[in-house]
Amino acid sequence: MEVTRRTDYAIRMVLELARRGGRRPVSVRQLADMGAVPYAFARSVARDLSSAGLVVAHRGVAGGLTLARGPGEITLLDILEATQGPIAVSVCVRDHAWCDRMGSCAVHDVWEQAGKLLEQYLASKDIASLVSRRMDGE
């Protein structure tokens, strides 16, 4: 499992929204500039985040994005799944039909448990704690 550039950009954008309180709309262009994200990419990522219910898009002159939930209720797992889909450390965990050794493979359970541990860890890292950690200089 690898964190893609798309996911990295999405995390940057959500962190920027959280740093600004998450309640006042911030334009996608501003988020792109603040997070050093290419604007065209930021627009696409914003759609992913909106579709996943992590941000709300507001139209109009004063429009932009706001967080759909509090920063303490959005986790790295939420963002990763919004941009990359469910976590799987091996294709066989995501698609059981992919491997003809299903049921006899000694390693399948290891990959499945590794994925669950990774999910639990990422679910324990919320945006609010990451923002406060950064502000504290950690």
C-alpha atoms as a PDB file:
ATOM      1  CA  MET A   1       0.000   0.000   0.000  1.00  0.00           C
ATOM      2  CA  GLU A   2       1.388   3.351  -0.997  1.00  0.00           C
ATOM      3  CA  VAL A   3       0.008   6.793  -0.207  1.00  0.00           C
ATOM      4  CA  THR A   4      -0.487   8.507  -3.550  1.00  0.00           C
ATOM      5  CA  ARG A   5       0.241  12.106  -4.403  1.00  0.00           C
ATOM      6  CA  ARG A   6      -3.530  12.633  -4.671  1.00  0.00           C
ATOM      7  CA  THR A   7      -3.961  11.521  -1.052  1.00  0.00           C
ATOM      8  CA  ASP A   8      -1.052  13.676   0.093  1.00  0.00           C
ATOM      9  CA  TYR A   9      -2.649  16.706  -1.587  1.00  0.00           C
ATOM     10  CA  ALA A  10      -6.038  15.906  -0.056  1.00  0.00           C
ATOM     11  CA  ILE A  11      -4.493  15.736   3.420  1.00  0.00           C
ATOM     12  CA  ARG A  12      -2.774  19.087   2.862  1.00  0.00           C
ATOM     13  CA  MET A  13      -6.048  20.690   1.780  1.00  0.00           C
ATOM     14  CA  VAL A  14      -8.013  19.329   4.751  1.00  0.00           C
ATOM     15  CA  LEU A  15      -5.257  20.422   7.145  1.00  0.00           C
ATOM     16  CA  GLU A  16      -5.390  23.947   5.689  1.00  0.00           C
ATOM     17  CA  LEU A  17      -9.166  24.058   6.142  1.00  0.00           C
ATOM     18  CA  ALA A  18      -8.808  22.883   9.740  1.00  0.00           C
ATOM     19  CA  ARG A  19      -6.097  25.466  10.477  1.00  0.00           C
ATOM     20  CA  ARG A  20      -8.529  28.158   9.384  1.00  0.00           C
ATOM     21  CA  GLY A  21     -11.300  26.868  11.613  1.00  0.00           C
ATOM     22  CA  GLY A  22     -13.066  24.828   8.932  1.00  0.00           C
ATOM     23  CA  ARG A  23     -16.266  26.920   9.045  1.00  0.00           C
ATOM     24  CA  ARG A  24     -15.529  29.822   6.675  1.00  0.00           C
ATOM     25  CA  PRO A  25     -15.324  28.896   2.994  1.00  0.00           C
ATOM     26  CA  VAL A  26     -11.820  28.843   1.528  1.00  0.00           C
ATOM     27  CA  SER A  27     -11.519  28.815  -2.255  1.00  0.00           C
ATOM     28  CA  VAL A  28      -9.920  25.837  -3.940  1.00  0.00           C
ATOM     29  CA  ARG A  29      -7.372  28.230  -5.454  1.00  0.00           C
ATOM     30  CA  GLN A  30      -6.370  29.466  -1.966  1.00  0.00           C
ATOM     31  CA  LEU A  31      -6.149  25.909  -0.658  1.00  0.00           C
ATOM     32  CA  ALA A  32      -3.999  24.960  -3.627  1.00  0.00           C
ATOM     33  CA  ASP A  33      -1.671  27.885  -2.998  1.00  0.00           C
ATOM     34  CA  MET A  34      -1.467  27.302   0.765  1.00  0.00           C
ATOM     35  CA  GLY A  35      -0.808  23.580   0.375  1.00  0.00           C
ATOM     36  CA  ALA A  36       1.491  23.843  -2.669  1.00  0.00           C
ATOM     37  CA  VAL A  37      -0.968  21.770  -4.694  1.00  0.00           C
ATOM     38  CA  PRO A  38      -1.369  22.282  -8.462  1.00  0.00           C
ATOM     39  CA  TYR A  39      -4.725  24.041  -8.964  1.00  0.00           C
ATOM     40  CA  ALA A  40      -6.125  21.570 -11.517  1.00  0.00           C
ATOM     41  CA  PHE A  41      -5.257  18.712  -9.174  1.00  0.00           C
ATOM     42  CA  ALA A  42      -6.783  20.572  -6.212  1.00  0.00           C
ATOM     43  CA  ARG A  43     -10.109  20.906  -8.052  1.00  0.00           C
ATOM     44  CA  SER A  44     -10.192  17.169  -8.699  1.00  0.00           C
ATOM     45  CA  VAL A  45      -9.227  16.354  -5.103  1.00  0.00           C
ATOM     46  CA  ALA A  46     -11.926  18.733  -3.838  1.00  0.00           C
ATOM     47  CA  ARG A  47     -14.521  16.671  -5.728  1.00  0.00           C
ATOM     48  CA  ASP A  48     -13.234  13.476  -4.066  1.00  0.00           C
ATOM     49  CA  LEU A  49     -13.438  15.071  -0.618  1.00  0.00           C
ATOM     50  CA  SER A  50     -16.907  16.446  -1.292  1.00  0.00           C
ATOM     51  CA  SER A  51     -18.201  13.107  -2.641  1.00  0.00           C
ATOM     52  CA  ALA A  52     -16.907  11.394   0.503  1.00  0.00           C
ATOM     53  CA  GLY A  53     -18.742  13.898   2.718  1.00  0.00           C
ATOM     54  CA  LEU A  54     -15.552  15.326   4.226  1.00  0.00           C
ATOM     55  CA  VAL A  55     -15.988  18.844   2.848  1.00  0.00           C
ATOM     56  CA  VAL A  56     -18.909  20.941   1.682  1.00  0.00           C
ATOM     57  CA  ALA A  57     -18.621  23.026  -1.480  1.00  0.00           C
ATOM     58  CA  HIS A  58     -20.224  26.479  -1.345  1.00  0.00           C
ATOM     59  CA  ARG A  59     -20.918  28.276  -4.613  1.00  0.00           C
ATOM     60  CA  GLY A  60     -20.769  31.968  -5.331  1.00  0.00           C
ATOM     61  CA  VAL A  61     -18.421  34.892  -4.896  1.00  0.00           C
ATOM     62  CA  ALA A  62     -17.687  34.069  -1.254  1.00  0.00           C
ATOM     63  CA  GLY A  63     -17.784  30.349  -1.949  1.00  0.00           C
ATOM     64  CA  GLY A  64     -15.235  27.676  -1.379  1.00  0.00           C
ATOM     65  CA  LEU A  65     -14.842  24.623   0.798  1.00  0.00           C
ATOM     66  CA  THR A  66     -15.606  24.071   4.465  1.00  0.00           C
ATOM     67  CA  LEU A  67     -15.180  20.975   6.575  1.00  0.00           C
ATOM     68  CA  ALA A  68     -18.329  18.857   6.704  1.00  0.00           C
ATOM     69  CA  ARG A  69     -17.461  17.674  10.216  1.00  0.00           C
ATOM     70  CA  GLY A  70     -15.242  18.904  12.981  1.00  0.00           C
ATOM     71  CA  PRO A  71     -11.512  18.313  12.503  1.00  0.00           C
ATOM     72  CA  GLY A  72     -11.578  15.856  15.407  1.00  0.00           C
ATOM     73  CA  GLU A  73     -14.084  13.744  13.472  1.00  0.00           C
ATOM     74  CA  ILE A  74     -12.043  13.453  10.262  1.00  0.00           C
ATOM     75  CA  THR A  75      -9.222  10.927  10.221  1.00  0.00           C
ATOM     76  CA  LEU A  76      -6.356  10.141   7.903  1.00  0.00           C
ATOM     77  CA  LEU A  77      -8.199   6.914   7.086  1.00  0.00           C
ATOM     78  CA  ASP A  78     -11.241   8.927   5.930  1.00  0.00           C
ATOM     79  CA  ILE A  79      -9.099  10.987   3.570  1.00  0.00           C
ATOM     80  CA  LEU A  80      -7.115   8.031   2.283  1.00  0.00           C
ATOM     81  CA  GLU A  81     -10.273   6.058   1.525  1.00  0.00           C
ATOM     82  CA  ALA A  82     -11.844   9.107  -0.165  1.00  0.00           C
ATOM     83  CA  THR A  83      -8.940   9.362  -2.586  1.00  0.00           C
ATOM     84  CA  GLN A  84      -7.660   5.792  -2.930  1.00  0.00           C
ATOM     85  CA  GLY A  85     -10.483   3.519  -1.826  1.00  0.00           C
ATOM     86  CA  PRO A  86     -10.283   0.833   0.855  1.00  0.00           C
ATOM     87  CA  ILE A  87      -6.884  -0.068   2.264  1.00  0.00           C
ATOM     88  CA  ALA A  88      -5.356  -3.311   1.087  1.00  0.00           C
ATOM     89  CA  VAL A  89      -1.705  -4.256   1.469  1.00  0.00           C
ATOM     90  CA  SER A  90      -2.132  -6.960  -1.175  1.00  0.00           C
ATOM     91  CA  VAL A  91      -4.464  -7.366  -4.141  1.00  0.00           C
ATOM     92  CA  CYS A  92      -5.637 -10.724  -2.792  1.00  0.00           C
ATOM     93  CA  VAL A  93      -7.156  -9.024   0.258  1.00  0.00           C
ATOM     94  CA  ARG A  94      -9.126  -6.589  -1.894  1.00  0.00           C
ATOM     95  CA  ASP A  95     -10.123  -9.086  -4.603  1.00  0.00           C
ATOM     96  CA  HIS A  96     -10.429 -12.714  -3.492  1.00  0.00           C
ATOM     97  CA  ALA A  97     -10.946 -13.872  -7.096  1.00  0.00           C
ATOM     98  CA  TRP A  98      -7.545 -12.459  -8.061  1.00  0.00           C
ATOM     99  CA  CYS A  99      -5.578 -15.327  -6.524  1.00  0.00           C
ATOM    100  CA  ASP A 100      -6.097 -18.981  -7.363  1.00  0.00           C
ATOM    101  CA  ARG A 101      -4.414 -19.964  -4.079  1.00  0.00           C
ATOM    102  CA  MET A 102      -7.142 -18.516  -1.896  1.00  0.00           C
ATOM    103  CA  GLY A 103      -7.713 -20.747   1.098  1.00  0.00           C
ATOM    104  CA  SER A 104      -4.335 -22.460   0.824  1.00  0.00           C
ATOM    105  CA  CYS A 105      -2.021 -19.439   1.028  1.00  0.00           C
ATOM    106  CA  ALA A 106      -0.071 -19.174   4.274  1.00  0.00           C
ATOM    107  CA  VAL A 107       0.488 -15.433   3.835  1.00  0.00           C
ATOM    108  CA  HIS A 108      -3.046 -14.220   3.043  1.00  0.00           C
ATOM    109  CA  ASP A 109      -4.012 -13.879   6.715  1.00  0.00           C
ATOM    110  CA  VAL A 110      -0.826 -11.896   7.373  1.00  0.00           C
ATOM    111  CA  TRP A 111      -1.743  -9.363   4.657  1.00  0.00           C
ATOM    112  CA  GLU A 112      -5.298  -9.167   5.927  1.00  0.00           C
ATOM    113  CA  GLN A 113      -4.200  -8.498   9.532  1.00  0.00           C
ATOM    114  CA  ALA A 114      -1.568  -5.977   8.391  1.00  0.00           C
ATOM    115  CA  GLY A 115      -4.285  -4.067   6.546  1.00  0.00           C
ATOM    116  CA  LYS A 116      -6.515  -4.056   9.622  1.00  0.00           C
ATOM    117  CA  LEU A 117      -3.681  -2.769  11.811  1.00  0.00           C
ATOM    118  CA  LEU A 118      -2.936  -0.017   9.307  1.00  0.00           C
ATOM    119  CA  GLU A 119      -6.626   0.936   9.185  1.00  0.00           C
ATOM    120  CA  GLN A 120      -6.805   1.128  12.976  1.00  0.00           C
ATOM    121  CA  TYR A 121      -3.688   3.270  13.152  1.00  0.00           C
ATOM    122  CA  LEU A 122      -4.826   5.723  10.466  1.00  0.00           C
ATOM    123  CA  ALA A 123      -8.299   5.894  12.041  1.00  0.00           C
ATOM    124  CA  SER A 124      -6.654   6.954  15.310  1.00  0.00           C
ATOM    125  CA  LYS A 125      -5.019  10.012  13.674  1.00  0.00           C
ATOM    126  CA  ASP A 126      -7.577  12.794  13.437  1.00  0.00           C
ATOM    127  CA  ILE A 127      -7.037  16.138  11.725  1.00  0.00           C
ATOM    128  CA  ALA A 128      -7.488  18.191  14.911  1.00  0.00           C
ATOM    129  CA  SER A 129      -4.632  16.401  16.654  1.00  0.00           C
ATOM    130  CA  LEU A 130      -2.399  16.791  13.600  1.00  0.00           C
ATOM    131  CA  VAL A 131      -3.113  20.520  13.405  1.00  0.00           C
ATOM    132  CA  SER A 132      -2.437  21.042  17.108  1.00  0.00           C
ATOM    133  CA  ARG A 133       0.704  18.920  16.905  1.00  0.00           C
ATOM    134  CA  ARG A 134       2.030  21.075  14.081  1.00  0.00           C
ATOM    135  CA  MET A 135       1.185  24.282  15.924  1.00  0.00           C
ATOM    136  CA  ASP A 136       2.966  22.974  19.034  1.00  0.00           C
ATOM    137  CA  GLY A 137       6.074  22.476  16.906  1.00  0.00           C
ATOM    138  CA  GLU A 138       6.232  18.699  17.149  1.00  0.00           C
END
